[in-house]
Amino acid sequence: MEVSCHCGNIRITVPATTEEVTSCNCSACSKYAALWAYFSPKEVTITSTKGAISSYCWGYKTLEFHHCDNCGCLTHYTPTKIGNENRMAVNFRLVYPSIIHSLKTRYVDGAADTWAEINK
């Protein structure tokens, strides 16, 4: 399955879709309105035009958010700390809406730093 930013300068191939996405209410994710699908970095292929990807790291600096320099779409995040390198996230807001609607959405409380699941 391939997802891409709006202009197509960043393309991400994942092995298949997922059954669940995560919506986090931390200060970054809530502003990005991302829906995260998690994969092993070994399963994901990212291709881009030269210089298309920019990154942003904030707070505890445990995650690096990546976006397209041309269209601005947030495409994925990668961990920055050792011990968490086996999981990355792809923004599933970039897939067709029909796929998103077929997935369970898990809500987590990143705003309170508990990361506990929120029942909705």
N, C-alpha and C. Protein backbone atom coordinates (compact mmCIF):
# COMPACT_ATOMS: atom_id res chain seq x y z
N MET A 1 0.85 -1.17 0.00
CA MET A 1 0.00 0.00 0.00
C MET A 1 0.90 1.23 0.00
N GLU A 2 0.58 2.19 -0.86
CA GLU A 2 1.38 3.41 -0.93
C GLU A 2 0.54 4.61 -0.53
N VAL A 3 1.13 5.49 0.28
CA VAL A 3 0.51 6.76 0.63
C VAL A 3 1.47 7.86 0.19
N SER A 4 0.95 9.04 0.00
CA SER A 4 1.82 10.14 -0.40
C SER A 4 1.29 11.46 0.13
N CYS A 5 2.17 12.44 0.15
CA CYS A 5 1.75 13.79 0.49
C CYS A 5 0.89 14.32 -0.66
N HIS A 6 0.34 15.50 -0.52
CA HIS A 6 -0.57 16.05 -1.52
C HIS A 6 0.08 16.21 -2.89
N CYS A 7 1.31 16.70 -2.92
CA CYS A 7 1.98 16.95 -4.20
C CYS A 7 2.70 15.72 -4.76
N GLY A 8 2.85 14.67 -3.93
CA GLY A 8 3.50 13.45 -4.39
C GLY A 8 5.01 13.43 -4.27
N ASN A 9 5.60 14.46 -3.68
CA ASN A 9 7.05 14.49 -3.53
C ASN A 9 7.57 13.48 -2.50
N ILE A 10 6.69 13.08 -1.55
CA ILE A 10 7.04 12.04 -0.58
C ILE A 10 6.05 10.90 -0.74
N ARG A 11 6.59 9.70 -0.95
CA ARG A 11 5.77 8.50 -1.07
C ARG A 11 6.25 7.49 -0.04
N ILE A 12 5.28 6.90 0.63
CA ILE A 12 5.59 5.93 1.68
C ILE A 12 4.86 4.63 1.35
N THR A 13 5.63 3.55 1.29
CA THR A 13 5.05 2.24 1.05
C THR A 13 5.07 1.45 2.35
N VAL A 14 3.90 0.96 2.74
CA VAL A 14 3.76 0.11 3.93
C VAL A 14 3.29 -1.26 3.45
N PRO A 15 3.54 -2.32 4.24
CA PRO A 15 3.24 -3.67 3.76
C PRO A 15 1.76 -3.92 3.49
N ALA A 16 0.91 -3.29 4.25
CA ALA A 16 -0.53 -3.47 4.11
C ALA A 16 -1.18 -2.41 4.98
N THR A 17 -2.47 -2.38 4.93
CA THR A 17 -3.15 -1.45 5.82
C THR A 17 -3.10 -2.01 7.23
N THR A 18 -3.68 -1.33 8.15
CA THR A 18 -3.70 -1.73 9.54
C THR A 18 -5.16 -1.82 9.98
N GLU A 19 -5.40 -2.41 11.11
CA GLU A 19 -6.77 -2.49 11.62
C GLU A 19 -7.13 -1.31 12.49
N GLU A 20 -6.10 -0.56 12.94
CA GLU A 20 -6.32 0.49 13.92
C GLU A 20 -5.40 1.67 13.67
N VAL A 21 -5.91 2.87 13.92
CA VAL A 21 -5.08 4.08 13.91
C VAL A 21 -5.22 4.76 15.27
N THR A 22 -4.25 5.60 15.59
CA THR A 22 -4.27 6.29 16.87
C THR A 22 -4.43 7.78 16.66
N SER A 23 -5.32 8.38 17.45
CA SER A 23 -5.50 9.82 17.49
C SER A 23 -5.02 10.28 18.87
N CYS A 24 -4.01 11.12 18.87
CA CYS A 24 -3.41 11.60 20.12
C CYS A 24 -3.78 13.07 20.31
N ASN A 25 -3.99 13.46 21.56
CA ASN A 25 -4.35 14.86 21.83
C ASN A 25 -3.20 15.69 22.39
N CYS A 26 -1.95 15.22 22.21
CA CYS A 26 -0.81 16.03 22.66
C CYS A 26 -0.78 17.32 21.83
N SER A 27 0.04 18.26 22.23
CA SER A 27 0.03 19.57 21.58
C SER A 27 0.39 19.50 20.10
N ALA A 28 1.28 18.60 19.71
CA ALA A 28 1.66 18.49 18.29
C ALA A 28 0.60 17.73 17.50
N CYS A 29 0.26 16.54 17.95
CA CYS A 29 -0.67 15.69 17.18
C CYS A 29 -2.05 16.33 17.03
N SER A 30 -2.52 17.02 18.06
CA SER A 30 -3.83 17.65 17.95
C SER A 30 -3.82 18.77 16.91
N LYS A 31 -2.71 19.48 16.79
CA LYS A 31 -2.62 20.53 15.77
C LYS A 31 -2.44 19.95 14.38
N TYR A 32 -1.73 18.82 14.30
CA TYR A 32 -1.54 18.16 13.01
C TYR A 32 -2.80 17.43 12.55
N ALA A 33 -3.66 17.04 13.48
CA ALA A 33 -4.86 16.24 13.19
C ALA A 33 -4.49 14.92 12.51
N ALA A 34 -3.39 14.36 12.95
CA ALA A 34 -2.90 13.12 12.35
C ALA A 34 -3.64 11.91 12.91
N LEU A 35 -3.68 10.87 12.10
CA LEU A 35 -4.12 9.54 12.53
C LEU A 35 -2.96 8.62 12.27
N TRP A 36 -2.36 8.11 13.33
CA TRP A 36 -1.12 7.36 13.21
C TRP A 36 -1.36 5.86 13.07
N ALA A 37 -0.69 5.28 12.09
CA ALA A 37 -0.61 3.82 11.93
C ALA A 37 0.83 3.44 12.19
N TYR A 38 1.03 2.40 12.98
CA TYR A 38 2.38 2.04 13.42
C TYR A 38 2.94 0.85 12.67
N PHE A 39 4.22 0.95 12.34
CA PHE A 39 4.91 -0.10 11.60
C PHE A 39 6.36 -0.19 12.08
N SER A 40 6.98 -1.31 11.79
CA SER A 40 8.42 -1.42 11.98
C SER A 40 9.09 -0.65 10.84
N PRO A 41 10.11 0.13 11.12
CA PRO A 41 10.81 0.84 10.04
C PRO A 41 11.33 -0.09 8.96
N LYS A 42 11.59 -1.35 9.32
CA LYS A 42 12.06 -2.33 8.34
C LYS A 42 11.00 -2.66 7.30
N GLU A 43 9.71 -2.40 7.63
CA GLU A 43 8.61 -2.70 6.72
C GLU A 43 8.23 -1.53 5.82
N VAL A 44 8.80 -0.36 6.08
CA VAL A 44 8.38 0.88 5.41
C VAL A 44 9.47 1.37 4.46
N THR A 45 9.03 1.78 3.27
CA THR A 45 9.94 2.38 2.31
C THR A 45 9.50 3.82 2.07
N ILE A 46 10.42 4.75 2.23
CA ILE A 46 10.12 6.17 2.01
C ILE A 46 10.96 6.65 0.85
N THR A 47 10.29 7.19 -0.16
CA THR A 47 11.00 7.78 -1.30
C THR A 47 10.55 9.23 -1.42
N SER A 48 11.49 10.07 -1.84
CA SER A 48 11.15 11.48 -1.98
C SER A 48 12.04 12.13 -3.01
N THR A 49 11.57 13.25 -3.50
CA THR A 49 12.43 14.04 -4.36
C THR A 49 13.49 14.70 -3.46
N LYS A 50 14.59 15.07 -4.03
CA LYS A 50 15.70 15.63 -3.26
C LYS A 50 15.26 16.87 -2.50
N GLY A 51 15.54 16.88 -1.21
CA GLY A 51 15.22 18.03 -0.38
C GLY A 51 13.76 18.20 -0.04
N ALA A 52 12.94 17.18 -0.29
CA ALA A 52 11.50 17.32 -0.07
C ALA A 52 11.09 17.18 1.40
N ILE A 53 11.89 16.49 2.20
CA ILE A 53 11.49 16.20 3.58
C ILE A 53 12.17 17.14 4.57
N SER A 54 11.34 17.76 5.41
CA SER A 54 11.84 18.55 6.54
C SER A 54 11.35 17.88 7.82
N SER A 55 12.03 18.15 8.92
CA SER A 55 11.69 17.52 10.17
C SER A 55 11.54 18.54 11.29
N TYR A 56 10.77 18.14 12.30
CA TYR A 56 10.53 18.99 13.46
C TYR A 56 10.55 18.10 14.70
N CYS A 57 11.28 18.52 15.71
CA CYS A 57 11.38 17.78 16.96
C CYS A 57 11.08 18.75 18.09
N TRP A 58 10.31 18.35 19.08
CA TRP A 58 9.91 19.27 20.15
C TRP A 58 9.90 18.56 21.50
N GLY A 59 9.65 19.30 22.55
CA GLY A 59 9.45 18.75 23.89
C GLY A 59 10.60 17.87 24.36
N TYR A 60 10.26 16.62 24.65
CA TYR A 60 11.26 15.66 25.14
C TYR A 60 12.19 15.17 24.03
N LYS A 61 11.89 15.57 22.81
CA LYS A 61 12.70 15.23 21.63
C LYS A 61 12.83 13.72 21.42
N THR A 62 11.71 13.01 21.64
CA THR A 62 11.70 11.57 21.44
C THR A 62 11.19 11.18 20.06
N LEU A 63 10.52 12.13 19.39
CA LEU A 63 9.98 11.88 18.05
C LEU A 63 10.39 12.99 17.11
N GLU A 64 10.61 12.61 15.86
CA GLU A 64 10.90 13.58 14.82
C GLU A 64 9.76 13.50 13.81
N PHE A 65 9.02 14.59 13.67
CA PHE A 65 7.90 14.67 12.74
C PHE A 65 8.42 15.11 11.38
N HIS A 66 8.00 14.44 10.32
CA HIS A 66 8.50 14.73 8.98
C HIS A 66 7.34 15.23 8.10
N HIS A 67 7.65 16.24 7.31
CA HIS A 67 6.63 16.81 6.42
C HIS A 67 7.26 17.21 5.09
N CYS A 68 6.40 17.41 4.11
CA CYS A 68 6.84 17.81 2.77
C CYS A 68 7.15 19.30 2.74
N ASP A 69 8.30 19.63 2.21
CA ASP A 69 8.69 21.03 2.08
C ASP A 69 7.87 21.78 1.04
N ASN A 70 7.26 21.07 0.12
CA ASN A 70 6.49 21.72 -0.93
C ASN A 70 5.04 21.95 -0.52
N CYS A 71 4.31 20.87 -0.20
CA CYS A 71 2.88 21.01 0.10
C CYS A 71 2.57 21.09 1.59
N GLY A 72 3.54 20.78 2.44
CA GLY A 72 3.37 20.92 3.88
C GLY A 72 2.74 19.74 4.60
N CYS A 73 2.35 18.71 3.88
CA CYS A 73 1.69 17.56 4.53
C CYS A 73 2.63 16.86 5.51
N LEU A 74 2.10 16.57 6.69
CA LEU A 74 2.82 15.75 7.67
C LEU A 74 2.69 14.31 7.22
N THR A 75 3.81 13.64 7.01
CA THR A 75 3.76 12.30 6.43
C THR A 75 4.04 11.17 7.42
N HIS A 76 4.96 11.39 8.35
CA HIS A 76 5.31 10.31 9.27
C HIS A 76 6.13 10.86 10.43
N TYR A 77 6.32 10.00 11.43
CA TYR A 77 7.30 10.35 12.45
C TYR A 77 8.20 9.17 12.73
N THR A 78 9.39 9.47 13.20
CA THR A 78 10.37 8.45 13.54
C THR A 78 10.88 8.73 14.95
N PRO A 79 11.25 7.68 15.68
CA PRO A 79 11.78 7.87 17.03
C PRO A 79 13.22 8.38 16.97
N THR A 80 13.61 9.10 18.00
CA THR A 80 14.97 9.63 18.06
C THR A 80 15.80 8.97 19.14
N LYS A 81 15.16 8.24 20.03
CA LYS A 81 15.86 7.65 21.18
C LYS A 81 16.10 6.16 20.96
N ILE A 82 17.24 5.69 21.41
CA ILE A 82 17.55 4.26 21.37
C ILE A 82 16.58 3.54 22.30
N GLY A 83 16.12 2.40 21.84
CA GLY A 83 15.16 1.62 22.61
C GLY A 83 13.76 1.73 22.03
N ASN A 84 13.55 2.72 21.19
CA ASN A 84 12.24 2.92 20.57
C ASN A 84 12.34 2.88 19.05
N GLU A 85 13.47 2.39 18.55
CA GLU A 85 13.73 2.46 17.11
C GLU A 85 12.99 1.42 16.28
N ASN A 86 12.25 0.52 16.91
CA ASN A 86 11.55 -0.52 16.16
C ASN A 86 10.11 -0.16 15.81
N ARG A 87 9.72 1.10 16.04
CA ARG A 87 8.36 1.52 15.71
C ARG A 87 8.38 2.95 15.19
N MET A 88 7.73 3.12 14.07
CA MET A 88 7.53 4.45 13.51
C MET A 88 6.05 4.58 13.16
N ALA A 89 5.64 5.77 12.82
CA ALA A 89 4.23 5.99 12.49
C ALA A 89 4.09 6.67 11.15
N VAL A 90 3.05 6.29 10.43
CA VAL A 90 2.71 6.89 9.15
C VAL A 90 1.36 7.57 9.33
N ASN A 91 1.24 8.79 8.83
CA ASN A 91 0.00 9.55 8.95
C ASN A 91 -1.04 8.99 7.97
N PHE A 92 -2.01 8.27 8.50
CA PHE A 92 -3.03 7.67 7.65
C PHE A 92 -4.10 8.66 7.19
N ARG A 93 -3.98 9.92 7.55
CA ARG A 93 -4.84 10.94 6.93
C ARG A 93 -4.49 11.06 5.45
N LEU A 94 -3.37 10.49 5.04
CA LEU A 94 -2.94 10.55 3.65
C LEU A 94 -3.53 9.43 2.80
N VAL A 95 -4.28 8.51 3.40
CA VAL A 95 -4.90 7.43 2.62
C VAL A 95 -6.33 7.83 2.24
N TYR A 96 -6.93 7.02 1.40
CA TYR A 96 -8.31 7.31 0.98
C TYR A 96 -9.25 7.29 2.18
N PRO A 97 -10.20 8.22 2.23
CA PRO A 97 -11.15 8.27 3.35
C PRO A 97 -11.89 6.94 3.57
N SER A 98 -12.17 6.22 2.52
CA SER A 98 -12.88 4.93 2.68
C SER A 98 -12.05 3.96 3.51
N ILE A 99 -10.73 4.03 3.41
CA ILE A 99 -9.86 3.17 4.22
C ILE A 99 -9.91 3.62 5.67
N ILE A 100 -9.81 4.92 5.89
CA ILE A 100 -9.85 5.46 7.26
C ILE A 100 -11.14 5.04 7.96
N HIS A 101 -12.27 5.15 7.26
CA HIS A 101 -13.56 4.83 7.86
C HIS A 101 -13.69 3.36 8.21
N SER A 102 -12.89 2.51 7.60
CA SER A 102 -12.96 1.08 7.89
C SER A 102 -12.09 0.68 9.08
N LEU A 103 -11.32 1.61 9.63
CA LEU A 103 -10.39 1.31 10.71
C LEU A 103 -10.94 1.74 12.07
N LYS A 104 -10.54 1.02 13.09
CA LYS A 104 -10.86 1.42 14.46
C LYS A 104 -9.93 2.56 14.83
N THR A 105 -10.45 3.60 15.48
CA THR A 105 -9.62 4.70 15.95
C THR A 105 -9.47 4.58 17.46
N ARG A 106 -8.23 4.56 17.90
CA ARG A 106 -7.88 4.50 19.32
C ARG A 106 -7.47 5.92 19.74
N TYR A 107 -8.04 6.43 20.80
CA TYR A 107 -7.75 7.78 21.28
C TYR A 107 -6.86 7.68 22.52
N VAL A 108 -5.74 8.42 22.52
CA VAL A 108 -4.83 8.40 23.67
C VAL A 108 -4.63 9.81 24.22
N ASP A 109 -4.37 9.87 25.52
CA ASP A 109 -4.22 11.14 26.22
C ASP A 109 -2.76 11.53 26.34
N GLY A 110 -2.24 12.12 25.27
CA GLY A 110 -0.88 12.62 25.29
C GLY A 110 -0.79 13.99 25.94
N ALA A 111 -1.91 14.71 26.01
CA ALA A 111 -1.92 16.04 26.61
C ALA A 111 -1.61 15.98 28.10
N ALA A 112 -2.07 14.93 28.76
CA ALA A 112 -1.82 14.77 30.20
C ALA A 112 -0.56 13.96 30.47
N ASP A 113 0.14 13.57 29.40
CA ASP A 113 1.34 12.76 29.52
C ASP A 113 1.10 11.39 30.14
N THR A 114 -0.16 10.93 30.14
CA THR A 114 -0.44 9.61 30.69
C THR A 114 -0.40 8.56 29.58
N TRP A 115 -0.69 8.98 28.38
CA TRP A 115 -0.78 8.11 27.21
C TRP A 115 -1.82 7.01 27.40
N ALA A 116 -2.73 7.24 28.33
CA ALA A 116 -3.80 6.28 28.59
C ALA A 116 -4.84 6.38 27.49
N GLU A 117 -5.53 5.28 27.25
CA GLU A 117 -6.58 5.28 26.25
C GLU A 117 -7.78 6.06 26.76
N ILE A 118 -8.36 6.86 25.88
CA ILE A 118 -9.55 7.64 26.19
C ILE A 118 -10.73 6.94 25.54
N ASN A 119 -11.75 6.67 26.30
CA ASN A 119 -12.96 6.05 25.74
C ASN A 119 -13.83 7.11 25.10
N LYS A 120 -14.20 6.89 23.86
CA LYS A 120 -15.07 7.84 23.15
C LYS A 120 -16.30 7.13 22.69
